[in-house]
Amino acid sequence: MSSAYSDDELHALGFASIGSDVRIDRRAAIFGAEAISIGSHVRIDCFSVITAGPADVRIGSYTHIAAHTYLSGAQGGIDVGYGVGISPFVAIFSAVEDYTKGHLTNPCVPEDLRDVLVGHVVVGAHTIVGSSSVVLGGITLGFGCSVGALSLVSRRVRPFEVVHGNPARRVQVRDRERMLAFDAELQTRAAAEGVELVDPTGRHGI
């Protein structure tokens, strides 16, 4: 048996919507499939965990979600644009807990004793998130930005920025003109195939 779900099995999982050429490893854990939308040409590798519902998680076309990633979108929601690369062991949280004022933590504790901060996460098209990085709730990663490995992202990252560190800071900028030229070519090929490309940050987030 293949390690990836067949097309029929994927549709039987009950996703809100799903495109063509989607490969999801059977060892990935999907919670709240009815609140998850997936584009075309998407791969989700083994041991990834994606949670949704009631908030939505939307994953754009041509996106790769590598092994051991965690997309926690159930509370605030996560929008992932097209052409995104999420590397192994990345964690994206749409909710975090503030314990600094003395509140208790963890989901097994009564909610009124906790201080949960919920925020929608937006990952722009062609973003790269490096291995073992953490993205906190309410953050927008702009079109074509890159987050270096082992980074903590607690602020907005602008389009084409390369950031790294804890907390993540700008270290350089990607080649904007070349990226836009390659993006235009991808747009042309996607249109010929009838694949819709959506950048959740807007028109290139620029």
C-alpha atoms as a PDB file:
ATOM      1  CA  MET A   1       0.000   0.000   0.000  1.00  0.00           C
ATOM      2  CA  SER A   2       1.210   3.496  -0.838  1.00  0.00           C
ATOM      3  CA  SER A   3       2.272   5.699   2.073  1.00  0.00           C
ATOM      4  CA  ALA A   4       0.072   8.469   0.624  1.00  0.00           C
ATOM      5  CA  TYR A   5      -3.717   8.556   0.520  1.00  0.00           C
ATOM      6  CA  SER A   6      -5.360   7.856  -2.828  1.00  0.00           C
ATOM      7  CA  ASP A   7      -7.595  10.509  -4.403  1.00  0.00           C
ATOM      8  CA  ASP A   8     -10.704   8.628  -3.310  1.00  0.00           C
ATOM      9  CA  GLU A   9      -9.410   8.361   0.251  1.00  0.00           C
ATOM     10  CA  LEU A  10      -8.585  12.073   0.335  1.00  0.00           C
ATOM     11  CA  HIS A  11     -12.113  12.998  -0.708  1.00  0.00           C
ATOM     12  CA  ALA A  12     -13.511  10.601   1.882  1.00  0.00           C
ATOM     13  CA  LEU A  13     -11.645  12.494   4.633  1.00  0.00           C
ATOM     14  CA  GLY A  14     -14.157  15.303   4.177  1.00  0.00           C
ATOM     15  CA  PHE A  15     -12.006  18.355   3.435  1.00  0.00           C
ATOM     16  CA  ALA A  16     -13.834  21.637   2.820  1.00  0.00           C
ATOM     17  CA  SER A  17     -12.206  21.602  -0.614  1.00  0.00           C
ATOM     18  CA  ILE A  18      -9.264  19.864  -2.229  1.00  0.00           C
ATOM     19  CA  GLY A  19      -7.555  20.277  -5.593  1.00  0.00           C
ATOM     20  CA  SER A  20      -5.700  17.864  -7.858  1.00  0.00           C
ATOM     21  CA  ASP A  21      -2.299  16.218  -7.391  1.00  0.00           C
ATOM     22  CA  VAL A  22      -2.468  16.360  -3.595  1.00  0.00           C
ATOM     23  CA  ARG A  23      -0.291  13.910  -1.692  1.00  0.00           C
ATOM     24  CA  ILE A  24      -0.829  13.501   2.037  1.00  0.00           C
ATOM     25  CA  ASP A  25       1.100  10.850   3.913  1.00  0.00           C
ATOM     26  CA  ARG A  26      -1.085   8.437   5.880  1.00  0.00           C
ATOM     27  CA  ARG A  27       1.019   9.148   8.966  1.00  0.00           C
ATOM     28  CA  ALA A  28       0.085  12.829   8.966  1.00  0.00           C
ATOM     29  CA  ALA A  29      -2.555  13.758  11.559  1.00  0.00           C
ATOM     30  CA  ILE A  30      -5.445  15.867  10.265  1.00  0.00           C
ATOM     31  CA  PHE A  31      -7.991  17.225  12.756  1.00  0.00           C
ATOM     32  CA  GLY A  32     -11.062  19.120  11.577  1.00  0.00           C
ATOM     33  CA  ALA A  33     -10.776  18.268   7.882  1.00  0.00           C
ATOM     34  CA  GLU A  34     -14.161  19.904   7.236  1.00  0.00           C
ATOM     35  CA  ALA A  35     -12.526  23.284   8.012  1.00  0.00           C
ATOM     36  CA  ILE A  36      -9.432  22.671   5.867  1.00  0.00           C
ATOM     37  CA  SER A  37      -9.121  23.757   2.214  1.00  0.00           C
ATOM     38  CA  ILE A  38      -6.213  22.528   0.077  1.00  0.00           C
ATOM     39  CA  GLY A  39      -5.223  23.693  -3.404  1.00  0.00           C
ATOM     40  CA  SER A  40      -3.541  21.680  -6.166  1.00  0.00           C
ATOM     41  CA  HIS A  41       0.008  20.294  -6.327  1.00  0.00           C
ATOM     42  CA  VAL A  42       0.338  20.118  -2.548  1.00  0.00           C
ATOM     43  CA  ARG A  43       2.388  17.673  -0.490  1.00  0.00           C
ATOM     44  CA  ILE A  44       2.003  17.086   3.243  1.00  0.00           C
ATOM     45  CA  ASP A  45       4.626  14.746   4.637  1.00  0.00           C
ATOM     46  CA  CYS A  46       4.590  12.169   7.410  1.00  0.00           C
ATOM     47  CA  PHE A  47       4.085  13.102  11.054  1.00  0.00           C
ATOM     48  CA  SER A  48       2.722  16.550  10.218  1.00  0.00           C
ATOM     49  CA  VAL A  49      -0.143  17.695  12.460  1.00  0.00           C
ATOM     50  CA  ILE A  50      -2.777  20.120  11.178  1.00  0.00           C
ATOM     51  CA  THR A  51      -5.669  21.239  13.368  1.00  0.00           C
ATOM     52  CA  ALA A  52      -8.688  23.267  12.252  1.00  0.00           C
ATOM     53  CA  GLY A  53     -12.281  23.904  13.287  1.00  0.00           C
ATOM     54  CA  PRO A  54     -13.998  26.044  14.166  1.00  0.00           C
ATOM     55  CA  ALA A  55     -11.424  28.364  12.540  1.00  0.00           C
ATOM     56  CA  ASP A  56     -10.344  27.566   8.975  1.00  0.00           C
ATOM     57  CA  VAL A  57      -6.971  26.436   7.665  1.00  0.00           C
ATOM     58  CA  ARG A  58      -6.394  27.179   3.972  1.00  0.00           C
ATOM     59  CA  ILE A  59      -3.358  25.781   2.127  1.00  0.00           C
ATOM     60  CA  GLY A  60      -2.548  27.185  -1.305  1.00  0.00           C
ATOM     61  CA  SER A  61      -1.409  25.364  -4.425  1.00  0.00           C
ATOM     62  CA  TYR A  62       2.212  24.337  -5.077  1.00  0.00           C
ATOM     63  CA  THR A  63       2.876  24.212  -1.341  1.00  0.00           C
ATOM     64  CA  HIS A  64       5.015  21.711   0.560  1.00  0.00           C
ATOM     65  CA  ILE A  65       4.519  20.998   4.266  1.00  0.00           C
ATOM     66  CA  ALA A  66       7.425  18.889   5.453  1.00  0.00           C
ATOM     67  CA  ALA A  67       7.640  16.141   8.060  1.00  0.00           C
ATOM     68  CA  HIS A  68       7.036  16.820  11.764  1.00  0.00           C
ATOM     69  CA  THR A  69       5.408  20.220  11.210  1.00  0.00           C
ATOM     70  CA  TYR A  70       2.602  21.552  13.404  1.00  0.00           C
ATOM     71  CA  LEU A  71      -0.059  23.913  12.064  1.00  0.00           C
ATOM     72  CA  SER A  72      -2.305  24.825  14.971  1.00  0.00           C
ATOM     73  CA  GLY A  73      -5.148  26.674  13.285  1.00  0.00           C
ATOM     74  CA  ALA A  74      -8.175  25.505  15.237  1.00  0.00           C
ATOM     75  CA  GLN A  75      -8.567  28.671  17.299  1.00  0.00           C
ATOM     76  CA  GLY A  76      -7.457  31.586  15.125  1.00  0.00           C
ATOM     77  CA  GLY A  77      -7.095  30.084  11.667  1.00  0.00           C
ATOM     78  CA  ILE A  78      -4.140  29.915   9.273  1.00  0.00           C
ATOM     79  CA  ASP A  79      -3.966  31.028   5.632  1.00  0.00           C
ATOM     80  CA  VAL A  80      -1.033  29.613   3.675  1.00  0.00           C
ATOM     81  CA  GLY A  81      -0.472  31.068   0.215  1.00  0.00           C
ATOM     82  CA  TYR A  82       0.705  29.291  -2.920  1.00  0.00           C
ATOM     83  CA  GLY A  83       4.269  28.156  -3.507  1.00  0.00           C
ATOM     84  CA  VAL A  84       5.055  28.069   0.209  1.00  0.00           C
ATOM     85  CA  GLY A  85       7.724  25.826   1.735  1.00  0.00           C
ATOM     86  CA  ILE A  86       7.312  24.868   5.394  1.00  0.00           C
ATOM     87  CA  SER A  87      10.367  22.946   6.569  1.00  0.00           C
ATOM     88  CA  PRO A  88      10.599  20.067   9.071  1.00  0.00           C
ATOM     89  CA  PHE A  89       9.738  20.735  12.722  1.00  0.00           C
ATOM     90  CA  VAL A  90       8.188  24.160  12.039  1.00  0.00           C
ATOM     91  CA  ALA A  91       5.352  25.138  14.417  1.00  0.00           C
ATOM     92  CA  ILE A  92       2.737  27.746  13.507  1.00  0.00           C
ATOM     93  CA  PHE A  93       0.381  28.717  16.325  1.00  0.00           C
ATOM     94  CA  SER A  94      -2.860  30.669  15.937  1.00  0.00           C
ATOM     95  CA  ALA A  95      -3.189  30.837  19.739  1.00  0.00           C
ATOM     96  CA  VAL A  96      -0.658  31.167  22.537  1.00  0.00           C
ATOM     97  CA  GLU A  97      -1.015  31.396  26.294  1.00  0.00           C
ATOM     98  CA  ASP A  98       0.173  34.352  28.384  1.00  0.00           C
ATOM     99  CA  TYR A  99       1.333  33.004  31.735  1.00  0.00           C
ATOM    100  CA  THR A 100       3.352  36.094  32.748  1.00  0.00           C
ATOM    101  CA  LYS A 101       0.486  37.594  34.770  1.00  0.00           C
ATOM    102  CA  GLY A 102       0.022  34.446  36.812  1.00  0.00           C
ATOM    103  CA  HIS A 103      -2.551  32.595  34.714  1.00  0.00           C
ATOM    104  CA  LEU A 104      -2.481  28.831  34.521  1.00  0.00           C
ATOM    105  CA  THR A 105      -1.757  27.040  31.258  1.00  0.00           C
ATOM    106  CA  ASN A 106      -2.560  24.030  29.086  1.00  0.00           C
ATOM    107  CA  PRO A 107      -5.872  22.981  27.544  1.00  0.00           C
ATOM    108  CA  CYS A 108      -6.764  20.621  30.411  1.00  0.00           C
ATOM    109  CA  VAL A 109      -7.051  23.553  32.854  1.00  0.00           C
ATOM    110  CA  PRO A 110     -10.443  25.355  33.030  1.00  0.00           C
ATOM    111  CA  GLU A 111     -10.572  28.153  30.453  1.00  0.00           C
ATOM    112  CA  ASP A 112     -11.400  30.911  32.944  1.00  0.00           C
ATOM    113  CA  LEU A 113      -8.069  30.292  34.711  1.00  0.00           C
ATOM    114  CA  ARG A 114      -6.074  30.769  31.509  1.00  0.00           C
ATOM    115  CA  ASP A 115      -5.218  33.753  29.284  1.00  0.00           C
ATOM    116  CA  VAL A 116      -5.299  32.545  25.682  1.00  0.00           C
ATOM    117  CA  LEU A 117      -4.267  35.024  22.994  1.00  0.00           C
ATOM    118  CA  VAL A 118      -5.832  34.127  19.639  1.00  0.00           C
ATOM    119  CA  GLY A 119      -4.641  35.580  16.329  1.00  0.00           C
ATOM    120  CA  HIS A 120      -5.067  34.653  12.667  1.00  0.00           C
ATOM    121  CA  VAL A 121      -1.793  33.719  10.932  1.00  0.00           C
ATOM    122  CA  VAL A 122      -1.173  34.646   7.288  1.00  0.00           C
ATOM    123  CA  VAL A 123       1.677  33.090   5.295  1.00  0.00           C
ATOM    124  CA  GLY A 124       2.183  34.913   2.005  1.00  0.00           C
ATOM    125  CA  ALA A 125       2.847  33.213  -1.324  1.00  0.00           C
ATOM    126  CA  HIS A 126       6.390  31.892  -1.903  1.00  0.00           C
ATOM    127  CA  THR A 127       7.290  32.218   1.768  1.00  0.00           C
ATOM    128  CA  ILE A 128       9.963  29.885   3.122  1.00  0.00           C
ATOM    129  CA  VAL A 129       9.893  28.919   6.798  1.00  0.00           C
ATOM    130  CA  GLY A 130      13.138  27.250   7.893  1.00  0.00           C
ATOM    131  CA  SER A 131      13.433  24.126  10.005  1.00  0.00           C
ATOM    132  CA  SER A 132      12.464  24.257  13.691  1.00  0.00           C
ATOM    133  CA  SER A 133      11.161  27.831  13.472  1.00  0.00           C
ATOM    134  CA  VAL A 134       8.133  29.014  15.455  1.00  0.00           C
ATOM    135  CA  VAL A 135       5.530  31.487  14.170  1.00  0.00           C
ATOM    136  CA  LEU A 136       3.230  33.009  16.796  1.00  0.00           C
ATOM    137  CA  GLY A 137      -0.440  33.923  16.526  1.00  0.00           C
ATOM    138  CA  GLY A 138      -1.534  37.061  14.712  1.00  0.00           C
ATOM    139  CA  ILE A 139       1.592  37.209  12.525  1.00  0.00           C
ATOM    140  CA  THR A 140       1.680  37.941   8.788  1.00  0.00           C
ATOM    141  CA  LEU A 141       4.583  36.639   6.722  1.00  0.00           C
ATOM    142  CA  GLY A 142       4.727  38.750   3.580  1.00  0.00           C
ATOM    143  CA  PHE A 143       4.950  37.625  -0.043  1.00  0.00           C
ATOM    144  CA  GLY A 144       8.266  35.986  -0.845  1.00  0.00           C
ATOM    145  CA  CYS A 145       9.812  36.371   2.592  1.00  0.00           C
ATOM    146  CA  SER A 146      12.136  33.839   4.186  1.00  0.00           C
ATOM    147  CA  VAL A 147      12.458  32.795   7.819  1.00  0.00           C
ATOM    148  CA  GLY A 148      15.798  31.225   8.672  1.00  0.00           C
ATOM    149  CA  ALA A 149      16.027  27.985  10.617  1.00  0.00           C
ATOM    150  CA  LEU A 150      15.600  28.053  14.402  1.00  0.00           C
ATOM    151  CA  SER A 151      13.849  31.444  14.372  1.00  0.00           C
ATOM    152  CA  LEU A 152      11.076  32.805  16.589  1.00  0.00           C
ATOM    153  CA  VAL A 153       8.730  35.048  14.605  1.00  0.00           C
ATOM    154  CA  SER A 154       6.815  37.395  16.879  1.00  0.00           C
ATOM    155  CA  ARG A 155       6.337  40.329  14.494  1.00  0.00           C
ATOM    156  CA  ARG A 156       5.201  40.893  10.921  1.00  0.00           C
ATOM    157  CA  VAL A 157       7.738  40.001   8.239  1.00  0.00           C
ATOM    158  CA  ARG A 158       7.611  42.278   5.200  1.00  0.00           C
ATOM    159  CA  PRO A 159       7.533  41.019   1.599  1.00  0.00           C
ATOM    160  CA  PHE A 160      10.882  39.688   0.339  1.00  0.00           C
ATOM    161  CA  GLU A 161      12.563  40.106   3.745  1.00  0.00           C
ATOM    162  CA  VAL A 162      14.945  37.438   5.015  1.00  0.00           C
ATOM    163  CA  VAL A 163      14.785  37.187   8.788  1.00  0.00           C
ATOM    164  CA  HIS A 164      16.606  35.029  11.291  1.00  0.00           C
ATOM    165  CA  GLY A 165      17.098  34.615  15.008  1.00  0.00           C
ATOM    166  CA  ASN A 166      15.281  34.721  18.331  1.00  0.00           C
ATOM    167  CA  PRO A 167      13.554  37.084  18.042  1.00  0.00           C
ATOM    168  CA  ALA A 168      13.728  37.075  14.232  1.00  0.00           C
ATOM    169  CA  ARG A 169      15.429  40.126  12.728  1.00  0.00           C
ATOM    170  CA  ARG A 170      15.982  41.210   9.130  1.00  0.00           C
ATOM    171  CA  VAL A 171      19.315  40.069   7.703  1.00  0.00           C
ATOM    172  CA  GLN A 172      18.828  40.675   3.964  1.00  0.00           C
ATOM    173  CA  VAL A 173      16.263  40.921   1.147  1.00  0.00           C
ATOM    174  CA  ARG A 174      15.478  38.431  -1.623  1.00  0.00           C
ATOM    175  CA  ASP A 175      15.713  39.449  -5.296  1.00  0.00           C
ATOM    176  CA  ARG A 176      12.292  41.039  -5.829  1.00  0.00           C
ATOM    177  CA  GLU A 177      12.406  41.413  -9.617  1.00  0.00           C
ATOM    178  CA  ARG A 178      13.569  37.858 -10.248  1.00  0.00           C
ATOM    179  CA  MET A 179      10.969  36.434  -7.872  1.00  0.00           C
ATOM    180  CA  LEU A 180       8.172  38.386  -9.532  1.00  0.00           C
ATOM    181  CA  ALA A 181       9.332  37.193 -12.962  1.00  0.00           C
ATOM    182  CA  PHE A 182       9.320  33.557 -11.850  1.00  0.00           C
ATOM    183  CA  ASP A 183       5.972  34.102 -10.143  1.00  0.00           C
ATOM    184  CA  ALA A 184       4.523  35.472 -13.392  1.00  0.00           C
ATOM    185  CA  GLU A 185       5.638  32.291 -15.163  1.00  0.00           C
ATOM    186  CA  LEU A 186       4.029  30.133 -12.481  1.00  0.00           C
ATOM    187  CA  GLN A 187       0.837  32.174 -12.789  1.00  0.00           C
ATOM    188  CA  THR A 188       0.812  31.521 -16.550  1.00  0.00           C
ATOM    189  CA  ARG A 189       1.297  27.770 -16.124  1.00  0.00           C
ATOM    190  CA  ALA A 190      -1.333  27.581 -13.375  1.00  0.00           C
ATOM    191  CA  ALA A 191      -3.860  29.476 -15.502  1.00  0.00           C
ATOM    192  CA  ALA A 192      -3.294  27.082 -18.408  1.00  0.00           C
ATOM    193  CA  GLU A 193      -4.091  24.211 -16.050  1.00  0.00           C
ATOM    194  CA  GLY A 194      -7.049  25.954 -14.435  1.00  0.00           C
ATOM    195  CA  VAL A 195      -5.352  26.163 -11.033  1.00  0.00           C
ATOM    196  CA  GLU A 196      -6.274  29.217  -8.975  1.00  0.00           C
ATOM    197  CA  LEU A 197      -3.428  30.906  -7.113  1.00  0.00           C
ATOM    198  CA  VAL A 198      -4.402  32.915  -4.047  1.00  0.00           C
ATOM    199  CA  ASP A 199      -2.041  35.098  -2.035  1.00  0.00           C
ATOM    200  CA  PRO A 200      -3.704  35.707   1.349  1.00  0.00           C
ATOM    201  CA  THR A 201      -1.662  38.883   1.839  1.00  0.00           C
ATOM    202  CA  GLY A 202      -3.314  40.475  -1.223  1.00  0.00           C
ATOM    203  CA  ARG A 203      -1.824  41.143  -4.624  1.00  0.00           C
ATOM    204  CA  HIS A 204       1.728  40.059  -3.815  1.00  0.00           C
ATOM    205  CA  GLY A 205       1.267  41.713  -0.431  1.00  0.00           C
ATOM    206  CA  ILE A 206       3.176  44.703  -1.791  1.00  0.00           C
END
